[in-house]
Amino acid sequence: MGKTDRSAHTTTDHDFIRRWVEERGGKPSHVKRTGDKEDPGILRIDFPGYSGKDSLEEISWEEFFEKFEENELALLHRDMKGDDGELDRFNKLISRKGREEGDEDE
């Protein structure tokens, strides 16, 4: 019964995003074979030990946030713990333009 608020929230705050990801053991990443030397391509958050092992490659936070801002993205996430006490890893990078009215930045 460790579950709390199941609703998702959005944020564009770099410090919050970095903290949220790192607390859950995640790393800033991009999809391999997308982009080029100047552009990291499709951004993702990689949680080692999950399905991204063969398709994702770690990048620096600087590269991640540069592309994040260039594409006007926001992080959709949940802040809760499951019954096992693990922090929820649910996240999705979405367009800021697609945010629902009433969503709040962290």
PDB file of N, CA and C in Angstrom:
ATOM      1  N   MET A   1       0.804  -1.188   0.000  1.00  0.00           N
ATOM      2  CA  MET A   1       0.000   0.000   0.000  1.00  0.00           C
ATOM      3  C   MET A   1       0.849   1.255   0.000  1.00  0.00           C
ATOM      4  N   GLY A   2       2.048   1.188  -0.592  1.00  0.00           N
ATOM      5  CA  GLY A   2       2.918   2.332  -0.656  1.00  0.00           C
ATOM      6  C   GLY A   2       2.548   3.293  -1.769  1.00  0.00           C
ATOM      7  N   LYS A   3       1.558   2.958  -2.567  1.00  0.00           N
ATOM      8  CA  LYS A   3       1.213   3.807  -3.696  1.00  0.00           C
ATOM      9  C   LYS A   3       0.601   5.111  -3.208  1.00  0.00           C
ATOM     10  N   THR A   4       0.988   6.166  -3.892  1.00  0.00           N
ATOM     11  CA  THR A   4       0.433   7.481  -3.581  1.00  0.00           C
ATOM     12  C   THR A   4      -0.279   7.983  -4.820  1.00  0.00           C
ATOM     13  N   ASP A   5      -0.134   9.236  -5.128  1.00  0.00           N
ATOM     14  CA  ASP A   5      -0.774   9.869  -6.268  1.00  0.00           C
ATOM     15  C   ASP A   5      -0.347   9.195  -7.570  1.00  0.00           C
ATOM     16  N   ARG A   6      -1.287   8.596  -8.294  1.00  0.00           N
ATOM     17  CA  ARG A   6      -0.973   7.902  -9.546  1.00  0.00           C
ATOM     18  C   ARG A   6      -0.993   8.839 -10.735  1.00  0.00           C
ATOM     19  N   SER A   7      -1.333  10.106 -10.526  1.00  0.00           N
ATOM     20  CA  SER A   7      -1.398  11.020 -11.650  1.00  0.00           C
ATOM     21  C   SER A   7       0.001  11.423 -12.103  1.00  0.00           C
ATOM     22  N   ALA A   8       0.106  11.743 -13.378  1.00  0.00           N
ATOM     23  CA  ALA A   8       1.383  12.152 -13.951  1.00  0.00           C
ATOM     24  C   ALA A   8       1.474  13.676 -13.950  1.00  0.00           C
ATOM     25  N   HIS A   9       2.683  14.157 -13.856  1.00  0.00           N
ATOM     26  CA  HIS A   9       2.965  15.585 -13.841  1.00  0.00           C
ATOM     27  C   HIS A   9       3.993  15.884 -14.917  1.00  0.00           C
ATOM     28  N   THR A  10       4.045  17.135 -15.365  1.00  0.00           N
ATOM     29  CA  THR A  10       5.072  17.519 -16.326  1.00  0.00           C
ATOM     30  C   THR A  10       5.989  18.562 -15.719  1.00  0.00           C
ATOM     31  N   THR A  11       7.218  18.572 -16.208  1.00  0.00           N
ATOM     32  CA  THR A  11       8.182  19.576 -15.787  1.00  0.00           C
ATOM     33  C   THR A  11       9.175  19.838 -16.905  1.00  0.00           C
ATOM     34  N   THR A  12       9.738  21.039 -16.874  1.00  0.00           N
ATOM     35  CA  THR A  12      10.826  21.405 -17.783  1.00  0.00           C
ATOM     36  C   THR A  12      12.061  21.798 -16.977  1.00  0.00           C
ATOM     37  N   ASP A  13      12.002  21.682 -15.663  1.00  0.00           N
ATOM     38  CA  ASP A  13      13.083  22.080 -14.769  1.00  0.00           C
ATOM     39  C   ASP A  13      14.244  21.086 -14.858  1.00  0.00           C
ATOM     40  N   HIS A  14      15.370  21.547 -15.364  1.00  0.00           N
ATOM     41  CA  HIS A  14      16.522  20.659 -15.581  1.00  0.00           C
ATOM     42  C   HIS A  14      17.011  20.009 -14.296  1.00  0.00           C
ATOM     43  N   ASP A  15      17.103  20.783 -13.212  1.00  0.00           N
ATOM     44  CA  ASP A  15      17.587  20.220 -11.946  1.00  0.00           C
ATOM     45  C   ASP A  15      16.645  19.143 -11.429  1.00  0.00           C
ATOM     46  N   PHE A  16      15.346  19.398 -11.515  1.00  0.00           N
ATOM     47  CA  PHE A  16      14.371  18.402 -11.065  1.00  0.00           C
ATOM     48  C   PHE A  16      14.486  17.132 -11.913  1.00  0.00           C
ATOM     49  N   ILE A  17      14.562  17.301 -13.238  1.00  0.00           N
ATOM     50  CA  ILE A  17      14.631  16.146 -14.133  1.00  0.00           C
ATOM     51  C   ILE A  17      15.869  15.303 -13.826  1.00  0.00           C
ATOM     52  N   ARG A  18      16.995  15.957 -13.707  1.00  0.00           N
ATOM     53  CA  ARG A  18      18.241  15.227 -13.431  1.00  0.00           C
ATOM     54  C   ARG A  18      18.139  14.470 -12.107  1.00  0.00           C
ATOM     55  N   ARG A  19      17.629  15.128 -11.076  1.00  0.00           N
ATOM     56  CA  ARG A  19      17.474  14.493  -9.760  1.00  0.00           C
ATOM     57  C   ARG A  19      16.495  13.316  -9.844  1.00  0.00           C
ATOM     58  N   TRP A  20      15.350  13.521 -10.508  1.00  0.00           N
ATOM     59  CA  TRP A  20      14.332  12.473 -10.642  1.00  0.00           C
ATOM     60  C   TRP A  20      14.934  11.242 -11.323  1.00  0.00           C
ATOM     61  N   VAL A  21      15.661  11.462 -12.421  1.00  0.00           N
ATOM     62  CA  VAL A  21      16.257  10.358 -13.180  1.00  0.00           C
ATOM     63  C   VAL A  21      17.319   9.641 -12.348  1.00  0.00           C
ATOM     64  N   GLU A  22      18.226  10.405 -11.757  1.00  0.00           N
ATOM     65  CA  GLU A  22      19.331   9.795 -11.019  1.00  0.00           C
ATOM     66  C   GLU A  22      18.865   9.068  -9.764  1.00  0.00           C
ATOM     67  N   GLU A  23      17.815   9.557  -9.101  1.00  0.00           N
ATOM     68  CA  GLU A  23      17.267   8.857  -7.926  1.00  0.00           C
ATOM     69  C   GLU A  23      16.771   7.465  -8.290  1.00  0.00           C
ATOM     70  N   ARG A  24      16.408   7.279  -9.539  1.00  0.00           N
ATOM     71  CA  ARG A  24      15.871   6.005 -10.014  1.00  0.00           C
ATOM     72  C   ARG A  24      16.914   5.175 -10.767  1.00  0.00           C
ATOM     73  N   GLY A  25      18.168   5.637 -10.750  1.00  0.00           N
ATOM     74  CA  GLY A  25      19.251   4.901 -11.400  1.00  0.00           C
ATOM     75  C   GLY A  25      19.316   5.092 -12.900  1.00  0.00           C
ATOM     76  N   GLY A  26      18.620   6.099 -13.433  1.00  0.00           N
ATOM     77  CA  GLY A  26      18.584   6.325 -14.871  1.00  0.00           C
ATOM     78  C   GLY A  26      19.722   7.177 -15.378  1.00  0.00           C
ATOM     79  N   LYS A  27      19.862   7.187 -16.685  1.00  0.00           N
ATOM     80  CA  LYS A  27      20.907   7.939 -17.376  1.00  0.00           C
ATOM     81  C   LYS A  27      20.302   8.625 -18.597  1.00  0.00           C
ATOM     82  N   PRO A  28      20.803   9.832 -18.935  1.00  0.00           N
ATOM     83  CA  PRO A  28      20.353  10.480 -20.173  1.00  0.00           C
ATOM     84  C   PRO A  28      20.899   9.693 -21.356  1.00  0.00           C
ATOM     85  N   SER A  29      20.067   9.444 -22.345  1.00  0.00           N
ATOM     86  CA  SER A  29      20.460   8.588 -23.462  1.00  0.00           C
ATOM     87  C   SER A  29      19.806   9.051 -24.750  1.00  0.00           C
ATOM     88  N   HIS A  30      20.260   8.442 -25.832  1.00  0.00           N
ATOM     89  CA  HIS A  30      19.609   8.635 -27.122  1.00  0.00           C
ATOM     90  C   HIS A  30      19.500   7.282 -27.801  1.00  0.00           C
ATOM     91  N   VAL A  31      18.588   7.203 -28.758  1.00  0.00           N
ATOM     92  CA  VAL A  31      18.407   5.969 -29.508  1.00  0.00           C
ATOM     93  C   VAL A  31      19.576   5.848 -30.481  1.00  0.00           C
ATOM     94  N   LYS A  32      20.291   4.719 -30.416  1.00  0.00           N
ATOM     95  CA  LYS A  32      21.420   4.479 -31.327  1.00  0.00           C
ATOM     96  C   LYS A  32      20.956   4.605 -32.774  1.00  0.00           C
ATOM     97  N   ARG A  33      21.856   5.012 -33.598  1.00  0.00           N
ATOM     98  CA  ARG A  33      21.609   5.141 -35.037  1.00  0.00           C
ATOM     99  C   ARG A  33      20.598   6.235 -35.362  1.00  0.00           C
ATOM    100  N   THR A  34      20.377   7.185 -34.432  1.00  0.00           N
ATOM    101  CA  THR A  34      19.592   8.375 -34.750  1.00  0.00           C
ATOM    102  C   THR A  34      20.513   9.564 -34.530  1.00  0.00           C
ATOM    103  N   GLY A  35      20.307  10.621 -35.252  1.00  0.00           N
ATOM    104  CA  GLY A  35      21.137  11.799 -35.119  1.00  0.00           C
ATOM    105  C   GLY A  35      22.487  11.624 -35.801  1.00  0.00           C
ATOM    106  N   ASP A  36      23.424  12.526 -35.451  1.00  0.00           N
ATOM    107  CA  ASP A  36      24.778  12.487 -35.992  1.00  0.00           C
ATOM    108  C   ASP A  36      25.703  13.161 -34.992  1.00  0.00           C
ATOM    109  N   LYS A  37      26.923  13.521 -35.420  1.00  0.00           N
ATOM    110  CA  LYS A  37      27.887  14.118 -34.493  1.00  0.00           C
ATOM    111  C   LYS A  37      27.385  15.419 -33.876  1.00  0.00           C
ATOM    112  N   GLU A  38      26.554  16.150 -34.606  1.00  0.00           N
ATOM    113  CA  GLU A  38      26.043  17.437 -34.138  1.00  0.00           C
ATOM    114  C   GLU A  38      24.705  17.329 -33.410  1.00  0.00           C
ATOM    115  N   ASP A  39      24.030  16.203 -33.555  1.00  0.00           N
ATOM    116  CA  ASP A  39      22.672  16.047 -33.043  1.00  0.00           C
ATOM    117  C   ASP A  39      22.518  14.648 -32.453  1.00  0.00           C
ATOM    118  N   PRO A  40      22.177  14.548 -31.145  1.00  0.00           N
ATOM    119  CA  PRO A  40      22.070  13.218 -30.539  1.00  0.00           C
ATOM    120  C   PRO A  40      20.891  12.389 -31.031  1.00  0.00           C
ATOM    121  N   GLY A  41      19.958  12.981 -31.767  1.00  0.00           N
ATOM    122  CA  GLY A  41      18.824  12.212 -32.270  1.00  0.00           C
ATOM    123  C   GLY A  41      17.704  12.115 -31.254  1.00  0.00           C
ATOM    124  N   ILE A  42      17.088  10.966 -31.172  1.00  0.00           N
ATOM    125  CA  ILE A  42      15.914  10.754 -30.316  1.00  0.00           C
ATOM    126  C   ILE A  42      16.358  10.534 -28.871  1.00  0.00           C
ATOM    127  N   LEU A  43      15.865  11.388 -27.978  1.00  0.00           N
ATOM    128  CA  LEU A  43      16.225  11.306 -26.563  1.00  0.00           C
ATOM    129  C   LEU A  43      15.392  10.269 -25.823  1.00  0.00           C
ATOM    130  N   ARG A  44      16.014   9.661 -24.838  1.00  0.00           N
ATOM    131  CA  ARG A  44      15.349   8.712 -23.947  1.00  0.00           C
ATOM    132  C   ARG A  44      16.018   8.778 -22.578  1.00  0.00           C
ATOM    133  N   ILE A  45      15.333   8.255 -21.573  1.00  0.00           N
ATOM    134  CA  ILE A  45      15.928   8.010 -20.261  1.00  0.00           C
ATOM    135  C   ILE A  45      16.143   6.501 -20.187  1.00  0.00           C
ATOM    136  N   ASP A  46      17.382   6.096 -19.914  1.00  0.00           N
ATOM    137  CA  ASP A  46      17.697   4.670 -19.856  1.00  0.00           C
ATOM    138  C   ASP A  46      17.842   4.241 -18.400  1.00  0.00           C
ATOM    139  N   PHE A  47      17.157   3.191 -18.049  1.00  0.00           N
ATOM    140  CA  PHE A  47      17.292   2.574 -16.742  1.00  0.00           C
ATOM    141  C   PHE A  47      18.010   1.246 -16.961  1.00  0.00           C
ATOM    142  N   PRO A  48      19.328   1.205 -16.669  1.00  0.00           N
ATOM    143  CA  PRO A  48      20.101  -0.022 -16.911  1.00  0.00           C
ATOM    144  C   PRO A  48      19.413  -1.262 -16.338  1.00  0.00           C
ATOM    145  N   GLY A  49      19.485  -2.329 -17.120  1.00  0.00           N
ATOM    146  CA  GLY A  49      18.862  -3.580 -16.707  1.00  0.00           C
ATOM    147  C   GLY A  49      17.475  -3.761 -17.303  1.00  0.00           C
ATOM    148  N   TYR A  50      17.001  -2.770 -18.049  1.00  0.00           N
ATOM    149  CA  TYR A  50      15.691  -2.866 -18.679  1.00  0.00           C
ATOM    150  C   TYR A  50      15.866  -2.994 -20.190  1.00  0.00           C
ATOM    151  N   SER A  51      14.816  -2.816 -20.945  1.00  0.00           N
ATOM    152  CA  SER A  51      14.805  -3.147 -22.374  1.00  0.00           C
ATOM    153  C   SER A  51      15.671  -2.273 -23.271  1.00  0.00           C
ATOM    154  N   GLY A  52      16.212  -1.154 -22.804  1.00  0.00           N
ATOM    155  CA  GLY A  52      16.981  -0.276 -23.669  1.00  0.00           C
ATOM    156  C   GLY A  52      18.418  -0.692 -23.910  1.00  0.00           C
ATOM    157  N   LYS A  53      18.835  -1.787 -23.329  1.00  0.00           N
ATOM    158  CA  LYS A  53      20.238  -2.212 -23.363  1.00  0.00           C
ATOM    159  C   LYS A  53      20.854  -2.190 -24.763  1.00  0.00           C
ATOM    160  N   ASP A  54      20.170  -2.707 -25.738  1.00  0.00           N
ATOM    161  CA  ASP A  54      20.733  -2.814 -27.078  1.00  0.00           C
ATOM    162  C   ASP A  54      20.402  -1.631 -27.982  1.00  0.00           C
ATOM    163  N   SER A  55      19.426  -0.818 -27.602  1.00  0.00           N
ATOM    164  CA  SER A  55      19.000   0.253 -28.497  1.00  0.00           C
ATOM    165  C   SER A  55      19.372   1.655 -28.025  1.00  0.00           C
ATOM    166  N   LEU A  56      19.808   1.805 -26.763  1.00  0.00           N
ATOM    167  CA  LEU A  56      20.120   3.129 -26.232  1.00  0.00           C
ATOM    168  C   LEU A  56      21.597   3.280 -25.929  1.00  0.00           C
ATOM    169  N   GLU A  57      22.049   4.533 -26.009  1.00  0.00           N
ATOM    170  CA  GLU A  57      23.437   4.857 -25.715  1.00  0.00           C
ATOM    171  C   GLU A  57      23.462   6.101 -24.830  1.00  0.00           C
ATOM    172  N   GLU A  58      24.247   6.052 -23.765  1.00  0.00           N
ATOM    173  CA  GLU A  58      24.310   7.166 -22.819  1.00  0.00           C
ATOM    174  C   GLU A  58      24.930   8.404 -23.469  1.00  0.00           C
ATOM    175  N   ILE A  59      24.392   9.580 -23.137  1.00  0.00           N
ATOM    176  CA  ILE A  59      24.949  10.861 -23.553  1.00  0.00           C
ATOM    177  C   ILE A  59      25.086  11.730 -22.309  1.00  0.00           C
ATOM    178  N   SER A  60      25.760  12.864 -22.439  1.00  0.00           N
ATOM    179  CA  SER A  60      25.927  13.755 -21.292  1.00  0.00           C
ATOM    180  C   SER A  60      24.631  14.508 -21.015  1.00  0.00           C
ATOM    181  N   TRP A  61      24.510  14.963 -19.772  1.00  0.00           N
ATOM    182  CA  TRP A  61      23.346  15.790 -19.430  1.00  0.00           C
ATOM    183  C   TRP A  61      23.326  17.053 -20.284  1.00  0.00           C
ATOM    184  N   GLU A  62      24.512  17.599 -20.573  1.00  0.00           N
ATOM    185  CA  GLU A  62      24.590  18.812 -21.391  1.00  0.00           C
ATOM    186  C   GLU A  62      23.977  18.570 -22.771  1.00  0.00           C
ATOM    187  N   GLU A  63      24.373  17.475 -23.424  1.00  0.00           N
ATOM    188  CA  GLU A  63      23.807  17.123 -24.735  1.00  0.00           C
ATOM    189  C   GLU A  63      22.303  16.899 -24.629  1.00  0.00           C
ATOM    190  N   PHE A  64      21.906  16.172 -23.587  1.00  0.00           N
ATOM    191  CA  PHE A  64      20.498  15.854 -23.388  1.00  0.00           C
ATOM    192  C   PHE A  64      19.664  17.130 -23.284  1.00  0.00           C
ATOM    193  N   PHE A  65      20.074  18.044 -22.403  1.00  0.00           N
ATOM    194  CA  PHE A  65      19.271  19.244 -22.185  1.00  0.00           C
ATOM    195  C   PHE A  65      19.340  20.226 -23.349  1.00  0.00           C
ATOM    196  N   GLU A  66      20.436  20.217 -24.088  1.00  0.00           N
ATOM    197  CA  GLU A  66      20.510  21.063 -25.282  1.00  0.00           C
ATOM    198  C   GLU A  66      19.438  20.638 -26.286  1.00  0.00           C
ATOM    199  N   LYS A  67      19.342  19.335 -26.538  1.00  0.00           N
ATOM    200  CA  LYS A  67      18.332  18.802 -27.458  1.00  0.00           C
ATOM    201  C   LYS A  67      16.924  18.958 -26.859  1.00  0.00           C
ATOM    202  N   PHE A  68      16.800  18.763 -25.550  1.00  0.00           N
ATOM    203  CA  PHE A  68      15.541  18.906 -24.829  1.00  0.00           C
ATOM    204  C   PHE A  68      14.960  20.306 -25.061  1.00  0.00           C
ATOM    205  N   GLU A  69      15.804  21.326 -24.933  1.00  0.00           N
ATOM    206  CA  GLU A  69      15.359  22.709 -25.129  1.00  0.00           C
ATOM    207  C   GLU A  69      15.112  23.019 -26.602  1.00  0.00           C
ATOM    208  N   GLU A  70      16.008  22.552 -27.449  1.00  0.00           N
ATOM    209  CA  GLU A  70      15.869  22.794 -28.886  1.00  0.00           C
ATOM    210  C   GLU A  70      14.525  22.283 -29.398  1.00  0.00           C
ATOM    211  N   ASN A  71      14.082  21.162 -28.881  1.00  0.00           N
ATOM    212  CA  ASN A  71      12.825  20.553 -29.323  1.00  0.00           C
ATOM    213  C   ASN A  71      11.632  20.912 -28.440  1.00  0.00           C
ATOM    214  N   GLU A  72      11.855  21.821 -27.483  1.00  0.00           N
ATOM    215  CA  GLU A  72      10.786  22.281 -26.582  1.00  0.00           C
ATOM    216  C   GLU A  72      10.035  21.106 -25.959  1.00  0.00           C
ATOM    217  N   LEU A  73      10.811  20.250 -25.284  1.00  0.00           N
ATOM    218  CA  LEU A  73      10.236  19.068 -24.642  1.00  0.00           C
ATOM    219  C   LEU A  73       9.935  19.325 -23.174  1.00  0.00           C
ATOM    220  N   ALA A  74       9.134  18.466 -22.609  1.00  0.00           N
ATOM    221  CA  ALA A  74       8.842  18.434 -21.178  1.00  0.00           C
ATOM    222  C   ALA A  74       8.877  16.968 -20.752  1.00  0.00           C
ATOM    223  N   LEU A  75       9.130  16.728 -19.471  1.00  0.00           N
ATOM    224  CA  LEU A  75       9.132  15.368 -18.941  1.00  0.00           C
ATOM    225  C   LEU A  75       7.804  15.102 -18.247  1.00  0.00           C
ATOM    226  N   LEU A  76       7.097  14.095 -18.721  1.00  0.00           N
ATOM    227  CA  LEU A  76       5.891  13.603 -18.070  1.00  0.00           C
ATOM    228  C   LEU A  76       6.346  12.490 -17.143  1.00  0.00           C
ATOM    229  N   HIS A  77       5.988  12.559 -15.858  1.00  0.00           N
ATOM    230  CA  HIS A  77       6.492  11.595 -14.877  1.00  0.00           C
ATOM    231  C   HIS A  77       5.497  11.396 -13.738  1.00  0.00           C
ATOM    232  N   ARG A  78       5.736  10.345 -12.969  1.00  0.00           N
ATOM    233  CA  ARG A  78       4.958  10.105 -11.747  1.00  0.00           C
ATOM    234  C   ARG A  78       5.913  10.039 -10.581  1.00  0.00           C
ATOM    235  N   ASP A  79       5.476  10.540  -9.442  1.00  0.00           N
ATOM    236  CA  ASP A  79       6.269  10.473  -8.216  1.00  0.00           C
ATOM    237  C   ASP A  79       5.545   9.589  -7.224  1.00  0.00           C
ATOM    238  N   MET A  80       5.884   8.324  -7.235  1.00  0.00           N
ATOM    239  CA  MET A  80       5.233   7.403  -6.311  1.00  0.00           C
ATOM    240  C   MET A  80       6.125   6.199  -6.096  1.00  0.00           C
ATOM    241  N   LYS A  81       5.809   5.442  -5.090  1.00  0.00           N
ATOM    242  CA  LYS A  81       6.498   4.175  -4.827  1.00  0.00           C
ATOM    243  C   LYS A  81       5.488   3.057  -4.976  1.00  0.00           C
ATOM    244  N   GLY A  82       5.966   1.943  -5.496  1.00  0.00           N
ATOM    245  CA  GLY A  82       5.124   0.775  -5.623  1.00  0.00           C
ATOM    246  C   GLY A  82       5.072   0.015  -4.308  1.00  0.00           C
ATOM    247  N   ASP A  83       4.314  -1.054  -4.296  1.00  0.00           N
ATOM    248  CA  ASP A  83       4.203  -1.900  -3.102  1.00  0.00           C
ATOM    249  C   ASP A  83       5.564  -2.466  -2.693  1.00  0.00           C
ATOM    250  N   ASP A  84       6.471  -2.572  -3.680  1.00  0.00           N
ATOM    251  CA  ASP A  84       7.808  -3.102  -3.390  1.00  0.00           C
ATOM    252  C   ASP A  84       8.758  -2.027  -2.861  1.00  0.00           C
ATOM    253  N   GLY A  85       8.276  -0.793  -2.744  1.00  0.00           N
ATOM    254  CA  GLY A  85       9.102   0.297  -2.232  1.00  0.00           C
ATOM    255  C   GLY A  85       9.956   0.970  -3.284  1.00  0.00           C
ATOM    256  N   GLU A  86       9.913   0.461  -4.519  1.00  0.00           N
ATOM    257  CA  GLU A  86      10.691   1.046  -5.616  1.00  0.00           C
ATOM    258  C   GLU A  86      10.023   2.322  -6.113  1.00  0.00           C
ATOM    259  N   LEU A  87      10.846   3.306  -6.472  1.00  0.00           N
ATOM    260  CA  LEU A  87      10.328   4.537  -7.055  1.00  0.00           C
ATOM    261  C   LEU A  87       9.796   4.261  -8.453  1.00  0.00           C
ATOM    262  N   ASP A  88       8.674   4.859  -8.795  1.00  0.00           N
ATOM    263  CA  ASP A  88       8.068   4.701 -10.113  1.00  0.00           C
ATOM    264  C   ASP A  88       9.004   5.279 -11.172  1.00  0.00           C
ATOM    265  N   ARG A  89       9.229   4.556 -12.248  1.00  0.00           N
ATOM    266  CA  ARG A  89      10.093   5.014 -13.332  1.00  0.00           C
ATOM    267  C   ARG A  89       9.296   5.519 -14.529  1.00  0.00           C
ATOM    268  N   PHE A  90       7.969   5.555 -14.405  1.00  0.00           N
ATOM    269  CA  PHE A  90       7.163   5.996 -15.539  1.00  0.00           C
ATOM    270  C   PHE A  90       7.608   7.386 -15.982  1.00  0.00           C
ATOM    271  N   ASN A  91       7.947   7.513 -17.268  1.00  0.00           N
ATOM    272  CA  ASN A  91       8.301   8.814 -17.824  1.00  0.00           C
ATOM    273  C   ASN A  91       8.093   8.802 -19.325  1.00  0.00           C
ATOM    274  N   LYS A  92       7.913   9.997 -19.855  1.00  0.00           N
ATOM    275  CA  LYS A  92       7.769  10.151 -21.293  1.00  0.00           C
ATOM    276  C   LYS A  92       8.178  11.579 -21.635  1.00  0.00           C
ATOM    277  N   LEU A  93       8.974  11.724 -22.681  1.00  0.00           N
ATOM    278  CA  LEU A  93       9.331  13.053 -23.161  1.00  0.00           C
ATOM    279  C   LEU A  93       8.252  13.487 -24.137  1.00  0.00           C
ATOM    280  N   ILE A  94       7.644  14.630 -23.863  1.00  0.00           N
ATOM    281  CA  ILE A  94       6.535  15.112 -24.681  1.00  0.00           C
ATOM    282  C   ILE A  94       6.794  16.547 -25.124  1.00  0.00           C
ATOM    283  N   SER A  95       6.079  16.971 -26.121  1.00  0.00           N
ATOM    284  CA  SER A  95       6.158  18.350 -26.581  1.00  0.00           C
ATOM    285  C   SER A  95       5.525  19.270 -25.542  1.00  0.00           C
ATOM    286  N   ARG A  96       6.169  20.393 -25.286  1.00  0.00           N
ATOM    287  CA  ARG A  96       5.574  21.371 -24.361  1.00  0.00           C
ATOM    288  C   ARG A  96       4.247  21.872 -24.892  1.00  0.00           C
ATOM    289  N   LYS A  97       4.114  21.909 -26.193  1.00  0.00           N
ATOM    290  CA  LYS A  97       2.871  22.370 -26.807  1.00  0.00           C
ATOM    291  C   LYS A  97       1.733  21.393 -26.544  1.00  0.00           C
ATOM    292  N   GLY A  98       2.067  20.123 -26.289  1.00  0.00           N
ATOM    293  CA  GLY A  98       1.064  19.097 -26.067  1.00  0.00           C
ATOM    294  C   GLY A  98       0.644  18.949 -24.628  1.00  0.00           C
ATOM    295  N   ARG A  99       1.211  19.778 -23.734  1.00  0.00           N
ATOM    296  CA  ARG A  99       0.872  19.658 -22.323  1.00  0.00           C
ATOM    297  C   ARG A  99      -0.575  20.029 -22.087  1.00  0.00           C
ATOM    298  N   GLU A 100      -1.174  19.328 -21.194  1.00  0.00           N
ATOM    299  CA  GLU A 100      -2.557  19.579 -20.850  1.00  0.00           C
ATOM    300  C   GLU A 100      -2.677  20.855 -20.043  1.00  0.00           C
ATOM    301  N   GLU A 101      -3.709  21.607 -20.271  1.00  0.00           N
ATOM    302  CA  GLU A 101      -3.929  22.802 -19.485  1.00  0.00           C
ATOM    303  C   GLU A 101      -4.096  22.408 -18.021  1.00  0.00           C
ATOM    304  N   GLY A 102      -3.455  23.138 -17.151  1.00  0.00           N
ATOM    305  CA  GLY A 102      -3.523  22.818 -15.732  1.00  0.00           C
ATOM    306  C   GLY A 102      -2.331  22.031 -15.246  1.00  0.00           C
ATOM    307  N   ASP A 103      -1.516  21.486 -16.167  1.00  0.00           N
ATOM    308  CA  ASP A 103      -0.290  20.811 -15.744  1.00  0.00           C
ATOM    309  C   ASP A 103       0.622  21.846 -15.115  1.00  0.00           C
ATOM    310  N   GLU A 104       1.375  21.424 -14.128  1.00  0.00           N
ATOM    311  CA  GLU A 104       2.246  22.344 -13.425  1.00  0.00           C
ATOM    312  C   GLU A 104       3.690  21.923 -13.578  1.00  0.00           C
ATOM    313  N   ASP A 105       4.578  22.919 -13.637  1.00  0.00           N
ATOM    314  CA  ASP A 105       6.002  22.637 -13.597  1.00  0.00           C
ATOM    315  C   ASP A 105       6.373  22.343 -12.167  1.00  0.00           C
ATOM    316  N   GLU A 106       7.345  21.469 -11.984  1.00  0.00           N
ATOM    317  CA  GLU A 106       7.867  21.180 -10.653  1.00  0.00           C
ATOM    318  C   GLU A 106       8.812  22.281 -10.275  1.00  0.00           C
TER     319      GLU A 106
END
